[in-house]
Amino acid sequence: MRPPSPDLHRACIGLGGNLDSPVLALRSARQAIARQPGIREVAFSSLYRSVPMGPADQPDYVNAVMMVDTTLMPLQLLDILQTIENDHGRVRQGERWGSRTLDLDILLYDDLEMDDIRLKLPHPGMTGREFVLYPLAEIAPADLNIPGKGGLSGWLAQCPRKGLMVLQDV
């Protein structure tokens, strides 16, 4: 996953939400990310509807993956994404994998493997999540390697859709 210049880094960002008009929230977050200095959108997947990963008594999620080129370092990018989440009403409390207005995760950053208290790369849960793998496969190179994990195509073959569907005409 190489950007076009040595001064740039290529990152993939997972977007998701299931409260307060999630389709609008993902569209707004996409625009907010692309407006940031040092970030340029490369590709954006379709929007997908997925069943909740956590408690079943919550609305379905809307998910997508955005590929960007950036001059930002990983923790700088994380700070910007968390600010955008907060601007969209994200509250970090309650149960894990519960309902949320917006969730932005750095999935990949170049070929970097990172284990920081604030950020782990590649995203540790991405290889088992259909709502990450299928949108990523839509916009990523066919031979994408997930650092330390192997090829995207192999993970897709092991990951059932679990009701995941592309949202049409949204």
Protein backbone atom coordinates (compact mmCIF):
# COMPACT_ATOMS: atom_id res chain seq x y z
CA MET A 1 0.00 0.00 0.00
CA ARG A 2 2.29 2.73 -1.28
CA PRO A 3 1.41 6.40 -1.75
CA PRO A 4 2.59 8.22 -4.87
CA SER A 5 5.42 10.12 -3.13
CA PRO A 6 7.88 9.47 -0.29
CA ASP A 7 6.51 12.49 1.60
CA LEU A 8 3.06 10.93 1.78
CA HIS A 9 1.65 8.04 3.76
CA ARG A 10 -1.32 5.93 2.70
CA ALA A 11 -3.90 5.15 5.35
CA CYS A 12 -7.23 3.35 5.39
CA ILE A 13 -9.90 4.57 7.78
CA GLY A 14 -12.96 2.61 8.86
CA LEU A 15 -16.12 4.66 9.34
CA GLY A 16 -19.21 3.45 11.18
CA GLY A 17 -22.21 4.59 13.14
CA ASN A 18 -25.74 3.58 14.04
CA LEU A 19 -27.37 6.59 15.75
CA ASP A 20 -28.80 9.90 14.52
CA SER A 21 -28.84 9.38 10.74
CA PRO A 22 -25.68 7.30 10.26
CA VAL A 23 -25.66 7.74 6.46
CA LEU A 24 -25.52 11.51 6.92
CA ALA A 25 -22.92 11.16 9.68
CA LEU A 26 -20.61 9.08 7.44
CA ARG A 27 -21.00 11.52 4.55
CA SER A 28 -20.26 14.44 6.86
CA ALA A 29 -17.25 12.65 8.39
CA ARG A 30 -15.91 11.88 4.91
CA GLN A 31 -16.05 15.57 4.03
CA ALA A 32 -14.52 16.59 7.35
CA ILE A 33 -11.62 14.17 6.91
CA ALA A 34 -10.97 15.29 3.32
CA ARG A 35 -10.97 18.98 4.37
CA GLN A 36 -8.15 18.50 6.89
CA PRO A 37 -4.76 19.95 5.99
CA GLY A 38 -2.36 17.17 5.08
CA ILE A 39 -5.09 14.70 4.05
CA ARG A 40 -6.29 13.89 0.55
CA GLU A 41 -8.98 11.34 -0.26
CA VAL A 42 -7.86 8.57 -2.62
CA ALA A 43 -10.95 6.32 -2.56
CA PHE A 44 -14.18 5.77 -0.66
CA SER A 45 -16.14 2.52 -0.56
CA SER A 46 -19.85 2.04 -0.90
CA LEU A 47 -21.89 2.37 2.27
CA TYR A 48 -22.76 -0.97 3.87
CA ARG A 49 -25.44 -1.95 6.39
CA SER A 50 -24.25 -4.41 9.03
CA VAL A 51 -25.73 -6.08 12.07
CA PRO A 52 -24.35 -4.86 15.41
CA MET A 53 -21.20 -6.58 16.62
CA GLY A 54 -22.06 -5.91 20.26
CA PRO A 55 -25.41 -5.89 22.05
CA ALA A 56 -28.23 -7.02 19.75
CA ASP A 57 -30.71 -4.43 21.06
CA GLN A 58 -29.26 -1.61 18.99
CA PRO A 59 -29.87 -0.39 15.45
CA ASP A 60 -27.94 -1.78 12.49
CA TYR A 61 -24.72 0.01 11.59
CA VAL A 62 -23.72 1.84 8.45
CA ASN A 63 -20.05 1.30 7.54
CA ALA A 64 -17.53 2.34 4.90
CA VAL A 65 -13.77 2.51 4.35
CA MET A 66 -11.88 5.57 3.15
CA MET A 67 -8.37 5.49 1.70
CA VAL A 68 -6.32 8.68 2.10
CA ASP A 69 -2.86 10.00 1.42
CA THR A 70 -1.54 12.05 4.31
CA THR A 71 1.51 13.92 5.51
CA LEU A 72 0.40 13.30 9.10
CA MET A 73 1.99 10.78 11.43
CA PRO A 74 -0.32 8.06 12.82
CA LEU A 75 -1.04 9.68 16.20
CA GLN A 76 -1.65 13.06 14.54
CA LEU A 77 -4.17 11.39 12.24
CA LEU A 78 -5.77 9.66 15.23
CA ASP A 79 -6.14 13.00 17.05
CA ILE A 80 -7.90 14.53 14.04
CA LEU A 81 -10.24 11.54 13.70
CA GLN A 82 -11.15 11.68 17.38
CA THR A 83 -11.89 15.41 17.08
CA ILE A 84 -14.19 14.67 14.14
CA GLU A 85 -15.92 11.95 16.18
CA ASN A 86 -16.44 14.41 19.04
CA ASP A 87 -17.76 17.04 16.62
CA HIS A 88 -20.34 14.46 15.53
CA GLY A 89 -21.54 13.85 19.09
CA ARG A 90 -19.45 10.78 19.92
CA VAL A 91 -19.55 9.97 23.62
CA ARG A 92 -16.98 7.49 24.92
CA GLN A 93 -18.77 5.81 27.76
CA GLY A 94 -20.91 2.79 28.33
CA GLU A 95 -20.47 -0.67 26.97
CA ARG A 96 -17.97 -1.71 24.38
CA TRP A 97 -19.36 -2.05 20.86
CA GLY A 98 -22.49 -0.19 21.90
CA SER A 99 -24.42 2.32 19.82
CA ARG A 100 -22.59 5.42 18.60
CA THR A 101 -23.06 8.38 16.33
CA LEU A 102 -19.68 7.94 14.65
CA ASP A 103 -16.67 5.67 14.96
CA LEU A 104 -13.48 6.37 12.98
CA ASP A 105 -10.67 3.81 13.13
CA ILE A 106 -7.29 3.81 11.45
CA LEU A 107 -7.18 0.36 9.89
CA LEU A 108 -3.88 0.57 8.01
CA TYR A 109 -1.08 3.11 7.74
CA ASP A 110 1.43 2.27 5.03
CA ASP A 111 2.90 -1.11 5.98
CA LEU A 112 3.37 -0.01 9.58
CA GLU A 113 2.96 -2.32 12.54
CA MET A 114 2.50 -0.29 15.71
CA ASP A 115 1.62 -1.19 19.30
CA ASP A 116 1.08 2.07 21.14
CA ILE A 117 -1.21 2.50 24.14
CA ARG A 118 -3.40 4.78 21.97
CA LEU A 119 -3.12 3.08 18.60
CA LYS A 120 -2.47 -0.42 17.33
CA LEU A 121 -1.74 -0.96 13.64
CA PRO A 122 -2.97 -2.69 11.69
CA HIS A 123 -6.28 -2.41 13.54
CA PRO A 124 -6.33 -5.57 15.69
CA GLY A 125 -9.90 -6.64 14.90
CA MET A 126 -10.05 -5.84 11.22
CA THR A 127 -9.35 -9.32 9.83
CA GLY A 128 -12.48 -10.81 11.41
CA ARG A 129 -14.93 -8.04 10.62
CA GLU A 130 -16.98 -8.29 7.46
CA PHE A 131 -17.96 -4.62 7.72
CA VAL A 132 -14.26 -3.74 7.37
CA LEU A 133 -12.97 -6.38 4.96
CA TYR A 134 -15.62 -6.11 2.23
CA PRO A 135 -15.56 -2.29 1.95
CA LEU A 136 -11.75 -2.37 2.10
CA ALA A 137 -11.61 -4.95 -0.70
CA GLU A 138 -13.79 -2.68 -2.82
CA ILE A 139 -11.18 0.11 -2.85
CA ALA A 140 -7.85 -1.61 -2.09
CA PRO A 141 -5.41 -3.24 -4.51
CA ALA A 142 -6.26 -6.89 -5.13
CA ASP A 143 -2.92 -7.98 -3.68
CA LEU A 144 -3.17 -5.87 -0.50
CA ASN A 145 -1.11 -7.31 2.33
CA ILE A 146 -2.21 -6.60 5.89
CA PRO A 147 1.08 -6.18 7.79
CA GLY A 148 1.77 -9.16 10.03
CA LYS A 149 -1.50 -10.82 9.00
CA GLY A 150 -1.27 -11.77 5.32
CA GLY A 151 -3.27 -11.04 2.22
CA LEU A 152 -6.67 -9.40 2.24
CA SER A 153 -8.05 -11.99 -0.20
CA GLY A 154 -7.29 -14.82 2.24
CA TRP A 155 -9.09 -13.04 5.07
CA LEU A 156 -12.10 -12.33 2.84
CA ALA A 157 -12.36 -16.02 1.98
CA GLN A 158 -12.64 -16.82 5.70
CA CYS A 159 -15.13 -14.07 6.56
CA PRO A 160 -18.84 -14.66 5.92
CA ARG A 161 -20.97 -11.61 5.14
CA LYS A 162 -23.27 -12.12 8.20
CA GLY A 163 -26.04 -10.07 6.58
CA LEU A 164 -23.71 -7.33 5.31
CA MET A 165 -25.26 -5.51 2.36
CA VAL A 166 -24.42 -2.56 0.16
CA LEU A 167 -26.84 0.33 0.60
CA GLN A 168 -28.17 1.32 -2.80
CA ASP A 169 -29.15 4.86 -3.80
CA VAL A 170 -28.17 6.58 -0.55
